[in-house]
């Protein structure tokens, strides 16, 4: 049981390290993180409801998570095949497409929450 708990604590450490690396080294995550801060400030300014907070926090988490998975896929693809390859390009495009779809959904959610408060 002690070993199990120790391993879970180590796993949390690796997760923190990964999140730190994403936020400090990846330009796309930095942009998403900045947007997350802006909409969080907007949430306080516009006094969004608890339900809107939950939706906003989940949306921020999902977009940053998908962006992180996209980054991991790109890193693995580059490691496996550093030269340009048609299939690797397809894999990277598919992962980027997932980020794009999530980003569009995030923009729509942001509009649903904030447009009525602005006008």
N, C-alpha and C. Protein backbone atom coordinates (compact mmCIF):
# COMPACT_ATOMS: atom_id res chain seq x y z
N UNK A 1 0.83 -1.20 0.00
CA UNK A 1 0.00 0.00 0.00
C UNK A 1 0.87 1.26 0.00
N UNK A 2 1.95 1.24 0.77
CA UNK A 2 2.86 2.39 0.83
C UNK A 2 3.47 2.64 -0.54
N UNK A 3 3.88 1.56 -1.21
CA UNK A 3 4.48 1.69 -2.54
C UNK A 3 3.47 2.30 -3.51
N UNK A 4 2.20 1.87 -3.43
CA UNK A 4 1.15 2.41 -4.28
C UNK A 4 1.02 3.92 -4.08
N UNK A 5 0.96 4.34 -2.83
CA UNK A 5 0.82 5.78 -2.52
C UNK A 5 2.05 6.54 -3.00
N UNK A 6 3.23 6.00 -2.76
CA UNK A 6 4.47 6.64 -3.21
C UNK A 6 4.49 6.80 -4.72
N UNK A 7 4.06 5.76 -5.44
CA UNK A 7 4.02 5.83 -6.90
C UNK A 7 3.00 6.86 -7.39
N UNK A 8 1.88 7.00 -6.71
CA UNK A 8 0.89 8.02 -7.09
C UNK A 8 1.45 9.42 -6.88
N UNK A 9 2.18 9.61 -5.80
CA UNK A 9 2.81 10.91 -5.53
C UNK A 9 3.84 11.22 -6.61
N UNK A 10 4.63 10.20 -7.01
CA UNK A 10 5.59 10.40 -8.09
C UNK A 10 4.86 10.76 -9.39
N UNK A 11 3.74 10.11 -9.66
CA UNK A 11 2.97 10.40 -10.87
C UNK A 11 2.47 11.83 -10.88
N UNK A 12 2.03 12.32 -9.74
CA UNK A 12 1.58 13.71 -9.63
C UNK A 12 2.75 14.65 -9.92
N UNK A 13 3.93 14.30 -9.44
CA UNK A 13 5.13 15.09 -9.72
C UNK A 13 5.43 15.16 -11.21
N UNK A 14 5.31 14.01 -11.89
CA UNK A 14 5.53 14.00 -13.34
C UNK A 14 4.48 14.85 -14.06
N UNK A 15 3.25 14.79 -13.58
CA UNK A 15 2.18 15.58 -14.20
C UNK A 15 2.44 17.08 -14.03
N UNK A 16 2.87 17.49 -12.84
CA UNK A 16 3.22 18.90 -12.62
C UNK A 16 4.37 19.31 -13.53
N UNK A 17 5.36 18.44 -13.65
CA UNK A 17 6.50 18.73 -14.53
C UNK A 17 6.03 18.91 -15.96
N UNK A 18 5.16 18.02 -16.43
CA UNK A 18 4.65 18.12 -17.79
C UNK A 18 3.86 19.40 -18.01
N UNK A 19 3.00 19.75 -17.05
CA UNK A 19 2.22 20.99 -17.18
C UNK A 19 3.15 22.20 -17.19
N UNK A 20 4.15 22.19 -16.33
CA UNK A 20 5.11 23.29 -16.29
C UNK A 20 5.86 23.42 -17.62
N UNK A 21 6.31 22.28 -18.15
CA UNK A 21 7.02 22.30 -19.44
C UNK A 21 6.12 22.83 -20.55
N UNK A 22 4.87 22.39 -20.57
CA UNK A 22 3.94 22.87 -21.59
C UNK A 22 3.78 24.39 -21.51
N UNK A 23 3.52 24.88 -20.31
CA UNK A 23 3.23 26.32 -20.14
C UNK A 23 4.47 27.18 -20.39
N UNK A 24 5.64 26.65 -20.08
CA UNK A 24 6.85 27.48 -20.20
C UNK A 24 7.57 27.33 -21.53
N UNK A 25 7.28 26.27 -22.29
CA UNK A 25 8.07 26.06 -23.51
C UNK A 25 7.26 26.07 -24.80
N UNK A 26 5.98 25.85 -24.75
CA UNK A 26 5.17 25.72 -25.96
C UNK A 26 4.38 27.00 -26.24
N UNK A 27 4.64 27.61 -27.39
CA UNK A 27 4.00 28.88 -27.74
C UNK A 27 2.48 28.76 -27.79
N UNK A 28 1.97 27.68 -28.35
CA UNK A 28 0.51 27.53 -28.47
C UNK A 28 -0.14 27.42 -27.09
N UNK A 29 0.49 26.75 -26.17
CA UNK A 29 -0.05 26.64 -24.81
C UNK A 29 0.02 28.00 -24.12
N UNK A 30 1.11 28.73 -24.35
CA UNK A 30 1.21 30.07 -23.76
C UNK A 30 0.05 30.95 -24.21
N UNK A 31 -0.29 30.87 -25.49
CA UNK A 31 -1.42 31.65 -26.02
C UNK A 31 -2.71 31.21 -25.34
N UNK A 32 -2.94 29.90 -25.28
CA UNK A 32 -4.16 29.40 -24.64
C UNK A 32 -4.22 29.78 -23.16
N UNK A 33 -3.09 29.71 -22.49
CA UNK A 33 -3.02 30.08 -21.07
C UNK A 33 -3.35 31.56 -20.89
N UNK A 34 -2.81 32.41 -21.76
CA UNK A 34 -3.09 33.84 -21.71
C UNK A 34 -4.57 34.11 -21.95
N UNK A 35 -5.16 33.45 -22.94
CA UNK A 35 -6.59 33.61 -23.21
C UNK A 35 -7.40 33.14 -22.01
N UNK A 36 -6.97 32.05 -21.39
CA UNK A 36 -7.64 31.55 -20.19
C UNK A 36 -7.62 32.58 -19.06
N UNK A 37 -6.49 33.26 -18.90
CA UNK A 37 -6.40 34.31 -17.87
C UNK A 37 -7.34 35.46 -18.20
N UNK A 38 -7.36 35.87 -19.47
CA UNK A 38 -8.24 36.98 -19.90
C UNK A 38 -9.70 36.65 -19.64
N UNK A 39 -10.15 35.45 -20.04
CA UNK A 39 -11.56 35.13 -19.83
C UNK A 39 -11.88 34.91 -18.35
N UNK A 40 -10.89 34.50 -17.56
CA UNK A 40 -11.11 34.40 -16.12
C UNK A 40 -11.31 35.78 -15.52
N UNK A 41 -10.49 36.74 -15.93
CA UNK A 41 -10.67 38.12 -15.48
C UNK A 41 -12.04 38.64 -15.92
N UNK A 42 -12.42 38.33 -17.17
CA UNK A 42 -13.73 38.73 -17.68
C UNK A 42 -14.84 38.11 -16.84
N UNK A 43 -14.66 36.87 -16.44
CA UNK A 43 -15.66 36.21 -15.59
C UNK A 43 -15.89 36.94 -14.30
N UNK A 44 -14.81 37.41 -13.67
CA UNK A 44 -14.96 38.20 -12.43
C UNK A 44 -15.61 39.55 -12.73
N UNK A 45 -15.18 40.18 -13.81
CA UNK A 45 -15.70 41.50 -14.17
C UNK A 45 -17.21 41.45 -14.45
N UNK A 46 -17.64 40.44 -15.20
CA UNK A 46 -19.04 40.33 -15.59
C UNK A 46 -19.89 39.52 -14.61
N UNK A 47 -19.29 39.06 -13.53
CA UNK A 47 -20.01 38.31 -12.49
C UNK A 47 -20.79 37.14 -13.10
N UNK A 48 -20.09 36.28 -13.82
CA UNK A 48 -20.77 35.15 -14.44
C UNK A 48 -21.30 34.20 -13.37
N UNK A 49 -22.30 33.44 -13.73
CA UNK A 49 -22.96 32.54 -12.78
C UNK A 49 -22.06 31.33 -12.46
N UNK A 50 -22.40 30.62 -11.38
CA UNK A 50 -21.62 29.41 -11.07
C UNK A 50 -21.62 28.40 -12.22
N UNK A 51 -22.75 28.24 -12.89
CA UNK A 51 -22.81 27.32 -14.04
C UNK A 51 -21.89 27.80 -15.15
N UNK A 52 -21.90 29.10 -15.42
CA UNK A 52 -21.00 29.65 -16.45
C UNK A 52 -19.54 29.46 -16.06
N UNK A 53 -19.23 29.58 -14.76
CA UNK A 53 -17.86 29.34 -14.30
C UNK A 53 -17.44 27.90 -14.57
N UNK A 54 -18.33 26.97 -14.27
CA UNK A 54 -18.01 25.56 -14.49
C UNK A 54 -17.75 25.31 -15.98
N UNK A 55 -18.64 25.83 -16.82
CA UNK A 55 -18.48 25.65 -18.26
C UNK A 55 -17.18 26.30 -18.74
N UNK A 56 -16.90 27.49 -18.25
CA UNK A 56 -15.69 28.20 -18.67
C UNK A 56 -14.43 27.46 -18.22
N UNK A 57 -14.40 27.01 -16.99
CA UNK A 57 -13.22 26.30 -16.48
C UNK A 57 -13.01 24.99 -17.25
N UNK A 58 -14.10 24.27 -17.49
CA UNK A 58 -13.97 23.03 -18.26
C UNK A 58 -13.50 23.30 -19.68
N UNK A 59 -14.00 24.38 -20.27
CA UNK A 59 -13.59 24.72 -21.63
C UNK A 59 -12.10 25.07 -21.68
N UNK A 60 -11.63 25.85 -20.73
CA UNK A 60 -10.20 26.19 -20.66
C UNK A 60 -9.38 24.91 -20.48
N UNK A 61 -9.82 24.05 -19.58
CA UNK A 61 -9.08 22.80 -19.33
C UNK A 61 -9.05 21.91 -20.57
N UNK A 62 -10.18 21.80 -21.26
CA UNK A 62 -10.23 20.94 -22.44
C UNK A 62 -9.32 21.47 -23.54
N UNK A 63 -9.41 22.76 -23.83
CA UNK A 63 -8.59 23.31 -24.92
C UNK A 63 -7.10 23.18 -24.60
N UNK A 64 -6.72 23.44 -23.35
CA UNK A 64 -5.30 23.32 -22.99
C UNK A 64 -4.86 21.85 -23.00
N UNK A 65 -5.75 20.96 -22.59
CA UNK A 65 -5.42 19.53 -22.60
C UNK A 65 -5.25 19.01 -24.02
N UNK A 66 -6.18 19.37 -24.90
CA UNK A 66 -6.08 18.92 -26.29
C UNK A 66 -4.82 19.51 -26.93
N UNK A 67 -4.51 20.74 -26.61
CA UNK A 67 -3.28 21.36 -27.12
C UNK A 67 -2.06 20.60 -26.61
N UNK A 68 -2.09 20.17 -25.36
CA UNK A 68 -0.99 19.38 -24.80
C UNK A 68 -0.85 18.04 -25.48
N UNK A 69 -1.98 17.37 -25.74
CA UNK A 69 -1.94 16.09 -26.45
C UNK A 69 -1.41 16.30 -27.87
N UNK A 70 -1.83 17.37 -28.52
CA UNK A 70 -1.32 17.68 -29.86
C UNK A 70 0.20 17.86 -29.82
N UNK A 71 0.69 18.57 -28.84
CA UNK A 71 2.13 18.77 -28.70
C UNK A 71 2.84 17.44 -28.50
N UNK A 72 2.27 16.58 -27.66
CA UNK A 72 2.88 15.26 -27.42
C UNK A 72 2.90 14.43 -28.71
N UNK A 73 1.81 14.47 -29.47
CA UNK A 73 1.77 13.74 -30.74
C UNK A 73 2.83 14.26 -31.70
N UNK A 74 2.96 15.58 -31.78
CA UNK A 74 3.99 16.16 -32.66
C UNK A 74 5.39 15.74 -32.22
N UNK A 75 5.64 15.76 -30.92
CA UNK A 75 6.96 15.36 -30.41
C UNK A 75 7.26 13.89 -30.72
N UNK A 76 6.28 13.03 -30.52
CA UNK A 76 6.47 11.60 -30.82
C UNK A 76 6.71 11.40 -32.31
N UNK A 77 5.89 12.08 -33.12
CA UNK A 77 6.04 11.93 -34.58
C UNK A 77 7.42 12.40 -35.04
N UNK A 78 7.89 13.52 -34.52
CA UNK A 78 9.21 14.03 -34.89
C UNK A 78 10.32 13.10 -34.41
N UNK A 79 10.11 12.47 -33.26
CA UNK A 79 11.11 11.55 -32.73
C UNK A 79 11.18 10.28 -33.58
N UNK A 80 10.02 9.78 -33.95
CA UNK A 80 9.97 8.55 -34.74
C UNK A 80 10.50 8.77 -36.16
N UNK A 81 10.10 9.89 -36.75
CA UNK A 81 10.50 10.15 -38.14
C UNK A 81 10.82 11.64 -38.28
N UNK A 82 12.07 12.05 -38.00
CA UNK A 82 12.43 13.47 -38.02
C UNK A 82 12.34 14.13 -39.40
N UNK A 83 12.51 13.35 -40.45
CA UNK A 83 12.40 13.91 -41.80
C UNK A 83 10.93 14.03 -42.20
N UNK A 84 10.69 14.87 -43.21
CA UNK A 84 9.31 15.01 -43.67
C UNK A 84 8.81 13.69 -44.23
N UNK A 85 7.63 13.30 -43.79
CA UNK A 85 7.00 12.07 -44.27
C UNK A 85 5.50 12.33 -44.39
N UNK A 86 4.93 11.84 -45.47
CA UNK A 86 3.51 12.09 -45.78
C UNK A 86 2.60 11.62 -44.63
N UNK A 87 2.82 10.43 -44.11
CA UNK A 87 1.98 9.89 -43.03
C UNK A 87 2.17 10.68 -41.73
N UNK A 88 3.40 11.06 -41.42
CA UNK A 88 3.64 11.86 -40.21
C UNK A 88 2.94 13.20 -40.35
N UNK A 89 3.00 13.79 -41.54
CA UNK A 89 2.29 15.04 -41.79
C UNK A 89 0.80 14.89 -41.58
N UNK A 90 0.23 13.78 -42.05
CA UNK A 90 -1.19 13.51 -41.86
C UNK A 90 -1.54 13.41 -40.38
N UNK A 91 -0.72 12.67 -39.63
CA UNK A 91 -0.94 12.50 -38.20
C UNK A 91 -0.92 13.86 -37.49
N UNK A 92 0.07 14.67 -37.82
CA UNK A 92 0.17 16.01 -37.20
C UNK A 92 -1.02 16.88 -37.58
N UNK A 93 -1.45 16.80 -38.84
CA UNK A 93 -2.61 17.59 -39.29
C UNK A 93 -3.88 17.16 -38.55
N UNK A 94 -4.05 15.86 -38.37
CA UNK A 94 -5.23 15.37 -37.65
C UNK A 94 -5.25 15.88 -36.20
N UNK A 95 -4.09 15.83 -35.55
CA UNK A 95 -4.00 16.31 -34.17
C UNK A 95 -4.27 17.82 -34.11
N UNK A 96 -3.72 18.56 -35.06
CA UNK A 96 -3.97 20.01 -35.12
C UNK A 96 -5.45 20.29 -35.40
N UNK A 97 -6.08 19.45 -36.22
CA UNK A 97 -7.50 19.60 -36.49
C UNK A 97 -8.33 19.43 -35.23
N UNK A 98 -7.94 18.51 -34.36
CA UNK A 98 -8.65 18.32 -33.09
C UNK A 98 -8.55 19.58 -32.23
N UNK A 99 -7.39 20.20 -32.22
CA UNK A 99 -7.21 21.45 -31.48
C UNK A 99 -8.10 22.54 -32.08
N UNK A 100 -8.13 22.61 -33.40
CA UNK A 100 -8.93 23.62 -34.09
C UNK A 100 -10.42 23.47 -33.75
N UNK A 101 -10.92 22.25 -33.80
CA UNK A 101 -12.33 22.00 -33.48
C UNK A 101 -12.63 22.42 -32.04
N UNK A 102 -11.74 22.07 -31.13
CA UNK A 102 -11.93 22.44 -29.73
C UNK A 102 -11.86 23.95 -29.55
N UNK A 103 -10.97 24.60 -30.26
CA UNK A 103 -10.85 26.06 -30.17
C UNK A 103 -12.10 26.74 -30.69
N UNK A 104 -12.67 26.24 -31.79
CA UNK A 104 -13.91 26.81 -32.32
C UNK A 104 -15.03 26.66 -31.29
N UNK A 105 -15.13 25.49 -30.68
CA UNK A 105 -16.15 25.28 -29.64
C UNK A 105 -15.93 26.24 -28.48
N UNK A 106 -14.66 26.46 -28.10
CA UNK A 106 -14.36 27.38 -27.00
C UNK A 106 -14.79 28.81 -27.34
N UNK A 107 -14.56 29.23 -28.56
CA UNK A 107 -14.98 30.57 -28.99
C UNK A 107 -16.50 30.68 -28.94
N UNK A 108 -17.19 29.66 -29.41
CA UNK A 108 -18.66 29.68 -29.39
C UNK A 108 -19.16 29.75 -27.94
N UNK A 109 -18.57 28.96 -27.06
CA UNK A 109 -18.96 28.99 -25.65
C UNK A 109 -18.70 30.36 -25.06
N UNK A 110 -17.53 30.94 -25.37
CA UNK A 110 -17.23 32.29 -24.90
C UNK A 110 -18.25 33.30 -25.38
N UNK A 111 -18.66 33.19 -26.63
CA UNK A 111 -19.68 34.10 -27.18
C UNK A 111 -21.02 33.92 -26.47
N UNK A 112 -21.40 32.68 -26.23
CA UNK A 112 -22.67 32.42 -25.54
C UNK A 112 -22.66 33.02 -24.14
N UNK A 113 -21.52 32.93 -23.45
CA UNK A 113 -21.44 33.46 -22.09
C UNK A 113 -21.36 34.99 -22.10
N UNK A 114 -20.52 35.56 -22.96
CA UNK A 114 -20.19 36.98 -22.82
C UNK A 114 -20.97 37.96 -23.71
N UNK A 115 -21.42 37.55 -24.87
CA UNK A 115 -22.13 38.50 -25.74
C UNK A 115 -23.37 39.07 -25.04
N UNK A 116 -24.18 38.26 -24.36
CA UNK A 116 -25.34 38.87 -23.68
C UNK A 116 -24.95 39.83 -22.56
N UNK A 117 -23.78 39.67 -22.00
CA UNK A 117 -23.35 40.55 -20.91
C UNK A 117 -22.78 41.86 -21.44
N UNK A 118 -22.29 41.84 -22.67
CA UNK A 118 -21.70 43.03 -23.27
C UNK A 118 -22.79 43.92 -23.87
N UNK A 119 -23.81 43.30 -24.45
CA UNK A 119 -24.84 44.08 -25.14
C UNK A 119 -26.12 44.15 -24.36
